[in-house]
Amino acid sequence: MRTVGIIAEFNPFHKGHQYILEKAKAHTDCQRAMVVMSGSFVQRGEPAFFRQMDKGKMCPP
């Protein structure tokens, strides 16, 4: 099973992010995506809207 990797913040996760995941999987002919997300702080140094575990639960399986 092939997997596409994505680096993202998803702060917070929304339908546009869902679109990106679906298009990345379709473009690479992969069945799943692995996302590496930012932690408690975003790239600009600001606190994230949600905790790490909560952000992960918002993403679809």
C-alpha atoms as a PDB file:
ATOM      1  CA  MET A   1       0.000   0.000   0.000  1.00  0.00           C
ATOM      2  CA  ARG A   2       1.509   3.320  -1.100  1.00  0.00           C
ATOM      3  CA  THR A   3       1.483   6.389   1.134  1.00  0.00           C
ATOM      4  CA  VAL A   4       1.982  10.080   0.331  1.00  0.00           C
ATOM      5  CA  GLY A   5       3.642  12.298   2.971  1.00  0.00           C
ATOM      6  CA  ILE A   6       2.496  15.836   3.738  1.00  0.00           C
ATOM      7  CA  ILE A   7       3.965  18.449   6.099  1.00  0.00           C
ATOM      8  CA  ALA A   8       1.283  20.842   7.380  1.00  0.00           C
ATOM      9  CA  GLU A   9      -0.092  22.909  10.224  1.00  0.00           C
ATOM     10  CA  PHE A  10      -3.844  22.354   9.827  1.00  0.00           C
ATOM     11  CA  ASN A  11      -4.525  25.089  12.369  1.00  0.00           C
ATOM     12  CA  PRO A  12      -7.445  24.335  12.382  1.00  0.00           C
ATOM     13  CA  PHE A  13      -8.301  21.602   9.872  1.00  0.00           C
ATOM     14  CA  HIS A  14     -10.913  22.686   7.299  1.00  0.00           C
ATOM     15  CA  LYS A  15     -12.468  21.561   4.014  1.00  0.00           C
ATOM     16  CA  GLY A  16      -9.636  23.101   1.988  1.00  0.00           C
ATOM     17  CA  HIS A  17      -7.175  20.864   3.812  1.00  0.00           C
ATOM     18  CA  GLN A  18      -9.415  17.876   3.094  1.00  0.00           C
ATOM     19  CA  TYR A  19      -9.324  18.810  -0.600  1.00  0.00           C
ATOM     20  CA  ILE A  20      -5.512  18.957  -0.538  1.00  0.00           C
ATOM     21  CA  LEU A  21      -5.296  15.506   1.055  1.00  0.00           C
ATOM     22  CA  GLU A  22      -7.700  13.985  -1.471  1.00  0.00           C
ATOM     23  CA  LYS A  23      -5.908  15.573  -4.447  1.00  0.00           C
ATOM     24  CA  ALA A  24      -2.455  14.524  -3.175  1.00  0.00           C
ATOM     25  CA  LYS A  25      -3.621  10.921  -2.823  1.00  0.00           C
ATOM     26  CA  ALA A  26      -5.260  10.946  -6.252  1.00  0.00           C
ATOM     27  CA  HIS A  27      -2.273  12.603  -7.969  1.00  0.00           C
ATOM     28  CA  THR A  28       0.213  10.106  -6.509  1.00  0.00           C
ATOM     29  CA  ASP A  29      -2.140   7.104  -6.808  1.00  0.00           C
ATOM     30  CA  CYS A  30      -1.797   6.457  -3.065  1.00  0.00           C
ATOM     31  CA  GLN A  31      -4.443   4.973  -0.809  1.00  0.00           C
ATOM     32  CA  ARG A  32      -3.440   6.886   2.312  1.00  0.00           C
ATOM     33  CA  ALA A  33      -1.644  10.029   3.462  1.00  0.00           C
ATOM     34  CA  MET A  34       0.694  10.507   6.406  1.00  0.00           C
ATOM     35  CA  VAL A  35       0.647  14.050   7.763  1.00  0.00           C
ATOM     36  CA  VAL A  36       3.347  15.554   9.980  1.00  0.00           C
ATOM     37  CA  MET A  37       1.756  18.502  11.773  1.00  0.00           C
ATOM     38  CA  SER A  38       3.158  21.327  13.855  1.00  0.00           C
ATOM     39  CA  GLY A  39       2.902  20.964  17.616  1.00  0.00           C
ATOM     40  CA  SER A  40       1.757  23.439  20.245  1.00  0.00           C
ATOM     41  CA  PHE A  41       3.152  26.382  18.297  1.00  0.00           C
ATOM     42  CA  VAL A  42       2.816  27.195  14.592  1.00  0.00           C
ATOM     43  CA  GLN A  43       5.651  28.149  12.229  1.00  0.00           C
ATOM     44  CA  ARG A  44       5.325  31.833  13.089  1.00  0.00           C
ATOM     45  CA  GLY A  45       5.781  31.111  16.805  1.00  0.00           C
ATOM     46  CA  GLU A  46       2.154  31.745  17.758  1.00  0.00           C
ATOM     47  CA  PRO A  47       0.279  29.238  19.935  1.00  0.00           C
ATOM     48  CA  ALA A  48      -1.836  26.755  17.985  1.00  0.00           C
ATOM     49  CA  PHE A  49      -5.626  27.001  18.242  1.00  0.00           C
ATOM     50  CA  PHE A  50      -5.906  23.377  19.388  1.00  0.00           C
ATOM     51  CA  ARG A  51      -3.741  20.885  21.254  1.00  0.00           C
ATOM     52  CA  GLN A  52      -1.683  18.415  19.201  1.00  0.00           C
ATOM     53  CA  MET A  53      -3.924  15.432  19.923  1.00  0.00           C
ATOM     54  CA  ASP A  54      -7.088  17.414  19.178  1.00  0.00           C
ATOM     55  CA  LYS A  55      -5.691  18.514  15.791  1.00  0.00           C
ATOM     56  CA  GLY A  56      -4.931  14.893  14.949  1.00  0.00           C
ATOM     57  CA  LYS A  57      -8.466  13.802  15.834  1.00  0.00           C
ATOM     58  CA  MET A  58      -9.926  16.447  13.490  1.00  0.00           C
ATOM     59  CA  CYS A  59      -8.227  14.899  10.457  1.00  0.00           C
ATOM     60  CA  PRO A  60     -10.148  12.165   8.688  1.00  0.00           C
ATOM     61  CA  PRO A  61      -8.895   8.587   9.019  1.00  0.00           C
END
